[in-house]
PDB file of N, CA and C in Angstrom:
ATOM      1  N   MET A   1      71.798 181.331 111.857  1.00  0.00           N
ATOM      2  CA  MET A   1      72.182 180.731 112.547  1.00  0.00           C
ATOM      3  C   MET A   1      73.841 180.643 112.507  1.00  0.00           C
ATOM      4  N   GLY A   2      74.343 180.680 111.600  1.00  0.00           N
ATOM      5  CA  GLY A   2      75.390 180.124 110.986  1.00  0.00           C
ATOM      6  C   GLY A   2      76.827 181.558 112.088  1.00  0.00           C
ATOM      7  N   ASN A   3      75.609 182.801 112.604  1.00  0.00           N
ATOM      8  CA  ASN A   3      76.594 183.525 113.154  1.00  0.00           C
ATOM      9  C   ASN A   3      76.629 183.134 114.480  1.00  0.00           C
ATOM     10  N   LEU A   4      76.651 181.641 115.080  1.00  0.00           N
ATOM     11  CA  LEU A   4      76.441 181.450 116.766  1.00  0.00           C
ATOM     12  C   LEU A   4      77.957 180.844 116.995  1.00  0.00           C
ATOM     13  N   ARG A   5      78.620 181.282 116.742  1.00  0.00           N
ATOM     14  CA  ARG A   5      80.216 180.825 116.251  1.00  0.00           C
ATOM     15  C   ARG A   5      80.700 179.643 117.574  1.00  0.00           C
ATOM     16  N   GLN A   6      80.456 180.432 118.792  1.00  0.00           N
ATOM     17  CA  GLN A   6      80.621 179.601 119.781  1.00  0.00           C
ATOM     18  C   GLN A   6      79.644 178.266 120.437  1.00  0.00           C
ATOM     19  N   LEU A   7      78.529 178.340 119.551  1.00  0.00           N
ATOM     20  CA  LEU A   7      77.721 176.924 120.177  1.00  0.00           C
ATOM     21  C   LEU A   7      78.599 175.598 120.255  1.00  0.00           C
ATOM     22  N   GLN A   8      78.135 175.386 121.039  1.00  0.00           N
ATOM     23  CA  GLN A   8      78.777 173.965 121.136  1.00  0.00           C
ATOM     24  C   GLN A   8      77.592 172.161 121.159  1.00  0.00           C
ATOM     25  N   SER A   9      76.372 172.737 121.576  1.00  0.00           N
ATOM     26  CA  SER A   9      75.255 172.049 121.191  1.00  0.00           C
ATOM     27  C   SER A   9      74.123 172.616 120.695  1.00  0.00           C
ATOM     28  N   LEU A  10      72.988 172.450 119.901  1.00  0.00           N
ATOM     29  CA  LEU A  10      72.026 172.457 119.353  1.00  0.00           C
ATOM     30  C   LEU A  10      71.253 171.639 119.755  1.00  0.00           C
ATOM     31  N   ASP A  11      70.155 171.177 119.791  1.00  0.00           N
ATOM     32  CA  ASP A  11      68.687 170.456 120.345  1.00  0.00           C
ATOM     33  C   ASP A  11      67.655 170.976 119.846  1.00  0.00           C
ATOM     34  N   VAL A  12      67.513 170.665 118.809  1.00  0.00           N
ATOM     35  CA  VAL A  12      65.947 171.174 117.791  1.00  0.00           C
ATOM     36  C   VAL A  12      64.751 169.333 117.565  1.00  0.00           C
ATOM     37  N   SER A  13      65.381 168.759 118.166  1.00  0.00           N
ATOM     38  CA  SER A  13      64.549 167.017 118.211  1.00  0.00           C
ATOM     39  C   SER A  13      63.227 167.767 118.489  1.00  0.00           C
ATOM     40  N   GLU A  14      62.298 166.776 117.636  1.00  0.00           N
ATOM     41  CA  GLU A  14      61.160 167.179 117.763  1.00  0.00           C
ATOM     42  C   GLU A  14      60.246 168.166 117.634  1.00  0.00           C
ATOM     43  N   ASN A  15      60.906 169.240 117.217  1.00  0.00           N
ATOM     44  CA  ASN A  15      59.917 170.349 116.670  1.00  0.00           C
ATOM     45  C   ASN A  15      59.535 170.626 115.829  1.00  0.00           C
ATOM     46  N   THR A  16      59.566 169.865 114.847  1.00  0.00           N
ATOM     47  CA  THR A  16      58.860 169.728 113.622  1.00  0.00           C
ATOM     48  C   THR A  16      59.602 170.681 112.252  1.00  0.00           C
ATOM     49  N   PRO A  17      60.657 171.345 112.593  1.00  0.00           N
ATOM     50  CA  PRO A  17      61.460 172.083 111.536  1.00  0.00           C
ATOM     51  C   PRO A  17      61.057 170.937 110.193  1.00  0.00           C
ATOM     52  N   SER A  18      60.430 171.929 108.936  1.00  0.00           N
ATOM     53  CA  SER A  18      60.702 171.390 107.615  1.00  0.00           C
ATOM     54  C   SER A  18      62.009 171.932 106.688  1.00  0.00           C
ATOM     55  N   GLY A  19      61.652 171.411 106.144  1.00  0.00           N
ATOM     56  CA  GLY A  19      62.907 171.909 105.094  1.00  0.00           C
ATOM     57  C   GLY A  19      64.285 171.231 105.070  1.00  0.00           C
ATOM     58  N   SER A  20      65.467 171.873 104.547  1.00  0.00           N
ATOM     59  CA  SER A  20      66.642 170.723 104.041  1.00  0.00           C
ATOM     60  C   SER A  20      67.478 171.716 105.552  1.00  0.00           C
ATOM     61  N   ILE A  21      68.271 170.871 106.015  1.00  0.00           N
ATOM     62  CA  ILE A  21      69.564 171.632 106.932  1.00  0.00           C
ATOM     63  C   ILE A  21      70.459 172.382 106.035  1.00  0.00           C
ATOM     64  N   PRO A  22      70.393 174.049 106.959  1.00  0.00           N
ATOM     65  CA  PRO A  22      70.802 174.918 106.101  1.00  0.00           C
ATOM     66  C   PRO A  22      72.647 174.307 105.719  1.00  0.00           C
ATOM     67  N   SER A  23      73.012 175.250 104.673  1.00  0.00           N
ATOM     68  CA  SER A  23      74.420 174.820 104.790  1.00  0.00           C
ATOM     69  C   SER A  23      75.376 176.091 105.484  1.00  0.00           C
ATOM     70  N   GLU A  24      74.921 177.076 106.323  1.00  0.00           N
ATOM     71  CA  GLU A  24      74.847 177.763 107.279  1.00  0.00           C
ATOM     72  C   GLU A  24      75.557 176.947 108.591  1.00  0.00           C
ATOM     73  N   ILE A  25      74.632 175.972 108.194  1.00  0.00           N
ATOM     74  CA  ILE A  25      75.403 174.922 109.693  1.00  0.00           C
ATOM     75  C   ILE A  25      77.078 174.849 109.976  1.00  0.00           C
ATOM     76  N   GLY A  26      77.645 175.103 108.398  1.00  0.00           N
ATOM     77  CA  GLY A  26      79.109 174.727 108.534  1.00  0.00           C
ATOM     78  C   GLY A  26      79.636 175.704 109.405  1.00  0.00           C
ATOM     79  N   ASN A  27      79.044 176.821 109.603  1.00  0.00           N
ATOM     80  CA  ASN A  27      80.063 177.804 110.269  1.00  0.00           C
ATOM     81  C   ASN A  27      79.734 177.933 111.891  1.00  0.00           C
ATOM     82  N   LEU A  28      79.423 177.152 112.391  1.00  0.00           N
ATOM     83  CA  LEU A  28      78.575 176.527 113.770  1.00  0.00           C
ATOM     84  C   LEU A  28      80.037 176.237 114.216  1.00  0.00           C
ATOM     85  N   ARG A  29      81.997 176.355 114.098  1.00  0.00           N
ATOM     86  CA  ARG A  29      83.169 175.601 114.876  1.00  0.00           C
ATOM     87  C   ARG A  29      83.181 174.963 115.355  1.00  0.00           C
ATOM     88  N   GLN A  30      82.459 175.278 116.536  1.00  0.00           N
ATOM     89  CA  GLN A  30      82.816 174.693 118.061  1.00  0.00           C
ATOM     90  C   GLN A  30      81.652 173.967 117.894  1.00  0.00           C
ATOM     91  N   LEU A  31      80.756 173.471 117.780  1.00  0.00           N
ATOM     92  CA  LEU A  31      79.795 172.398 117.067  1.00  0.00           C
ATOM     93  C   LEU A  31      80.339 171.393 118.208  1.00  0.00           C
ATOM     94  N   GLN A  32      79.995 170.720 119.307  1.00  0.00           N
ATOM     95  CA  GLN A  32      80.387 169.266 119.475  1.00  0.00           C
ATOM     96  C   GLN A  32      79.107 168.671 119.497  1.00  0.00           C
ATOM     97  N   SER A  33      77.546 169.106 119.337  1.00  0.00           N
ATOM     98  CA  SER A  33      76.393 167.650 119.394  1.00  0.00           C
ATOM     99  C   SER A  33      75.169 168.316 118.992  1.00  0.00           C
ATOM    100  N   LEU A  34      75.005 167.828 117.484  1.00  0.00           N
ATOM    101  CA  LEU A  34      73.838 168.306 117.209  1.00  0.00           C
ATOM    102  C   LEU A  34      72.600 167.404 116.245  1.00  0.00           C
ATOM    103  N   ASP A  35      71.312 167.578 117.243  1.00  0.00           N
ATOM    104  CA  ASP A  35      70.313 166.511 117.839  1.00  0.00           C
ATOM    105  C   ASP A  35      69.143 167.044 116.478  1.00  0.00           C
ATOM    106  N   VAL A  36      69.013 167.039 115.580  1.00  0.00           N
ATOM    107  CA  VAL A  36      67.263 167.324 114.578  1.00  0.00           C
ATOM    108  C   VAL A  36      66.882 166.343 114.312  1.00  0.00           C
ATOM    109  N   SER A  37      67.082 165.006 115.288  1.00  0.00           N
ATOM    110  CA  SER A  37      66.016 164.186 115.155  1.00  0.00           C
ATOM    111  C   SER A  37      64.776 164.434 115.254  1.00  0.00           C
ATOM    112  N   GLU A  38      63.553 163.203 114.702  1.00  0.00           N
ATOM    113  CA  GLU A  38      61.836 163.305 115.072  1.00  0.00           C
ATOM    114  C   GLU A  38      61.735 164.649 114.129  1.00  0.00           C
ATOM    115  N   ASN A  39      61.874 165.267 112.979  1.00  0.00           N
ATOM    116  CA  ASN A  39      61.863 166.050 112.148  1.00  0.00           C
ATOM    117  C   ASN A  39      60.981 165.669 111.103  1.00  0.00           C
ATOM    118  N   THR A  40      60.721 166.846 110.428  1.00  0.00           N
ATOM    119  CA  THR A  40      60.516 166.933 109.072  1.00  0.00           C
ATOM    120  C   THR A  40      61.048 167.150 107.564  1.00  0.00           C
ATOM    121  N   LEU A  41      62.440 167.207 108.072  1.00  0.00           N
ATOM    122  CA  LEU A  41      63.702 167.118 107.747  1.00  0.00           C
ATOM    123  C   LEU A  41      63.990 166.424 106.337  1.00  0.00           C
ATOM    124  N   SER A  42      64.230 167.388 104.870  1.00  0.00           N
ATOM    125  CA  SER A  42      64.236 166.252 103.945  1.00  0.00           C
ATOM    126  C   SER A  42      65.779 167.282 103.276  1.00  0.00           C
ATOM    127  N   GLY A  43      66.061 166.172 101.796  1.00  0.00           N
ATOM    128  CA  GLY A  43      66.957 166.813 101.462  1.00  0.00           C
ATOM    129  C   GLY A  43      68.027 166.412 101.848  1.00  0.00           C
ATOM    130  N   SER A  44      69.197 166.959 100.830  1.00  0.00           N
ATOM    131  CA  SER A  44      70.817 166.402 101.444  1.00  0.00           C
ATOM    132  C   SER A  44      71.432 166.992 102.912  1.00  0.00           C
ATOM    133  N   ILE A  45      72.340 166.136 103.299  1.00  0.00           N
ATOM    134  CA  ILE A  45      73.033 166.441 104.718  1.00  0.00           C
ATOM    135  C   ILE A  45      74.004 167.692 103.582  1.00  0.00           C
ATOM    136  N   PRO A  46      74.295 168.958 104.379  1.00  0.00           N
ATOM    137  CA  PRO A  46      75.085 169.927 103.148  1.00  0.00           C
ATOM    138  C   PRO A  46      76.807 169.548 103.725  1.00  0.00           C
ATOM    139  N   SER A  47      77.553 169.558 102.654  1.00  0.00           N
ATOM    140  CA  SER A  47      78.473 168.785 102.835  1.00  0.00           C
ATOM    141  C   SER A  47      79.638 170.264 104.211  1.00  0.00           C
ATOM    142  N   GLU A  48      79.004 170.911 104.066  1.00  0.00           N
ATOM    143  CA  GLU A  48      79.111 172.094 104.987  1.00  0.00           C
ATOM    144  C   GLU A  48      79.205 171.512 106.494  1.00  0.00           C
ATOM    145  N   ILE A  49      78.968 170.606 106.695  1.00  0.00           N
ATOM    146  CA  ILE A  49      78.711 169.940 108.049  1.00  0.00           C
ATOM    147  C   ILE A  49      80.145 169.348 107.975  1.00  0.00           C
ATOM    148  N   GLY A  50      80.791 168.977 107.569  1.00  0.00           N
ATOM    149  CA  GLY A  50      82.147 168.519 107.428  1.00  0.00           C
ATOM    150  C   GLY A  50      83.259 169.493 108.076  1.00  0.00           C
ATOM    151  N   ASN A  51      83.171 170.614 108.208  1.00  0.00           N
ATOM    152  CA  ASN A  51      83.362 171.722 108.721  1.00  0.00           C
ATOM    153  C   ASN A  51      83.537 171.419 110.465  1.00  0.00           C
ATOM    154  N   LEU A  52      82.443 170.510 110.567  1.00  0.00           N
ATOM    155  CA  LEU A  52      82.503 171.099 112.093  1.00  0.00           C
ATOM    156  C   LEU A  52      83.650 169.840 112.521  1.00  0.00           C
ATOM    157  N   GLN A  53      84.547 170.136 112.973  1.00  0.00           N
ATOM    158  CA  GLN A  53      85.564 169.188 113.346  1.00  0.00           C
ATOM    159  C   GLN A  53      85.699 168.527 114.855  1.00  0.00           C
ATOM    160  N   GLN A  54      84.756 169.369 115.848  1.00  0.00           N
ATOM    161  CA  GLN A  54      84.579 168.826 116.849  1.00  0.00           C
ATOM    162  C   GLN A  54      83.496 168.107 117.198  1.00  0.00           C
ATOM    163  N   LEU A  55      82.825 168.116 116.216  1.00  0.00           N
ATOM    164  CA  LEU A  55      81.310 167.422 116.175  1.00  0.00           C
ATOM    165  C   LEU A  55      82.127 165.399 116.771  1.00  0.00           C
ATOM    166  N   ALA A  56      80.864 165.431 117.407  1.00  0.00           N
ATOM    167  CA  ALA A  56      81.030 163.888 118.607  1.00  0.00           C
ATOM    168  C   ALA A  56      79.251 163.150 118.214  1.00  0.00           C
ATOM    169  N   ASP A  57      78.607 163.936 118.077  1.00  0.00           N
ATOM    170  CA  ASP A  57      77.637 163.129 118.502  1.00  0.00           C
ATOM    171  C   ASP A  57      76.245 164.621 117.306  1.00  0.00           C
ATOM    172  N   LEU A  58      75.952 163.432 116.437  1.00  0.00           N
ATOM    173  CA  LEU A  58      75.156 164.093 115.298  1.00  0.00           C
ATOM    174  C   LEU A  58      73.676 162.806 115.384  1.00  0.00           C
ATOM    175  N   GLU A  59      72.474 163.762 115.807  1.00  0.00           N
ATOM    176  CA  GLU A  59      71.281 162.718 115.508  1.00  0.00           C
ATOM    177  C   GLU A  59      70.449 163.115 114.360  1.00  0.00           C
ATOM    178  N   LEU A  60      70.335 162.198 113.174  1.00  0.00           N
ATOM    179  CA  LEU A  60      69.426 162.963 112.189  1.00  0.00           C
ATOM    180  C   LEU A  60      68.298 162.025 111.894  1.00  0.00           C
ATOM    181  N   TRP A  61      67.839 160.719 112.634  1.00  0.00           N
ATOM    182  CA  TRP A  61      67.016 159.812 112.840  1.00  0.00           C
ATOM    183  C   TRP A  61      65.539 160.324 112.729  1.00  0.00           C
ATOM    184  N   ASN A  62      64.966 159.866 112.142  1.00  0.00           N
ATOM    185  CA  ASN A  62      63.430 159.953 111.678  1.00  0.00           C
ATOM    186  C   ASN A  62      63.499 161.410 110.922  1.00  0.00           C
ATOM    187  N   ASN A  63      64.073 161.254 109.975  1.00  0.00           N
ATOM    188  CA  ASN A  63      63.958 162.529 109.200  1.00  0.00           C
ATOM    189  C   ASN A  63      64.120 161.757 107.611  1.00  0.00           C
ATOM    190  N   ALA A  64      64.054 162.763 106.794  1.00  0.00           N
ATOM    191  CA  ALA A  64      64.076 162.351 105.467  1.00  0.00           C
ATOM    192  C   ALA A  64      65.423 162.946 104.418  1.00  0.00           C
ATOM    193  N   VAL A  65      66.478 163.186 105.489  1.00  0.00           N
ATOM    194  CA  VAL A  65      67.722 162.935 104.802  1.00  0.00           C
ATOM    195  C   VAL A  65      68.040 162.094 104.207  1.00  0.00           C
ATOM    196  N   SER A  66      69.438 163.084 103.448  1.00  0.00           N
ATOM    197  CA  SER A  66      70.161 161.923 102.543  1.00  0.00           C
ATOM    198  C   SER A  66      71.682 162.371 102.479  1.00  0.00           C
TER     199      SER A  66
END
């Protein structure tokens, strides 16, 4: 996923991925919208998400992330 450097929008809501949000998410520098709502994600939100300076919309609800 970290190689998709020009990706602007990622919606994997309601797809039941599990586990944690990968730290490679921080490599998606052009990402403006990220929706991972209504899944079974858990764990901490990776600090690398702070690299996403273009991010305007972040949907994390209905997961067990902190």
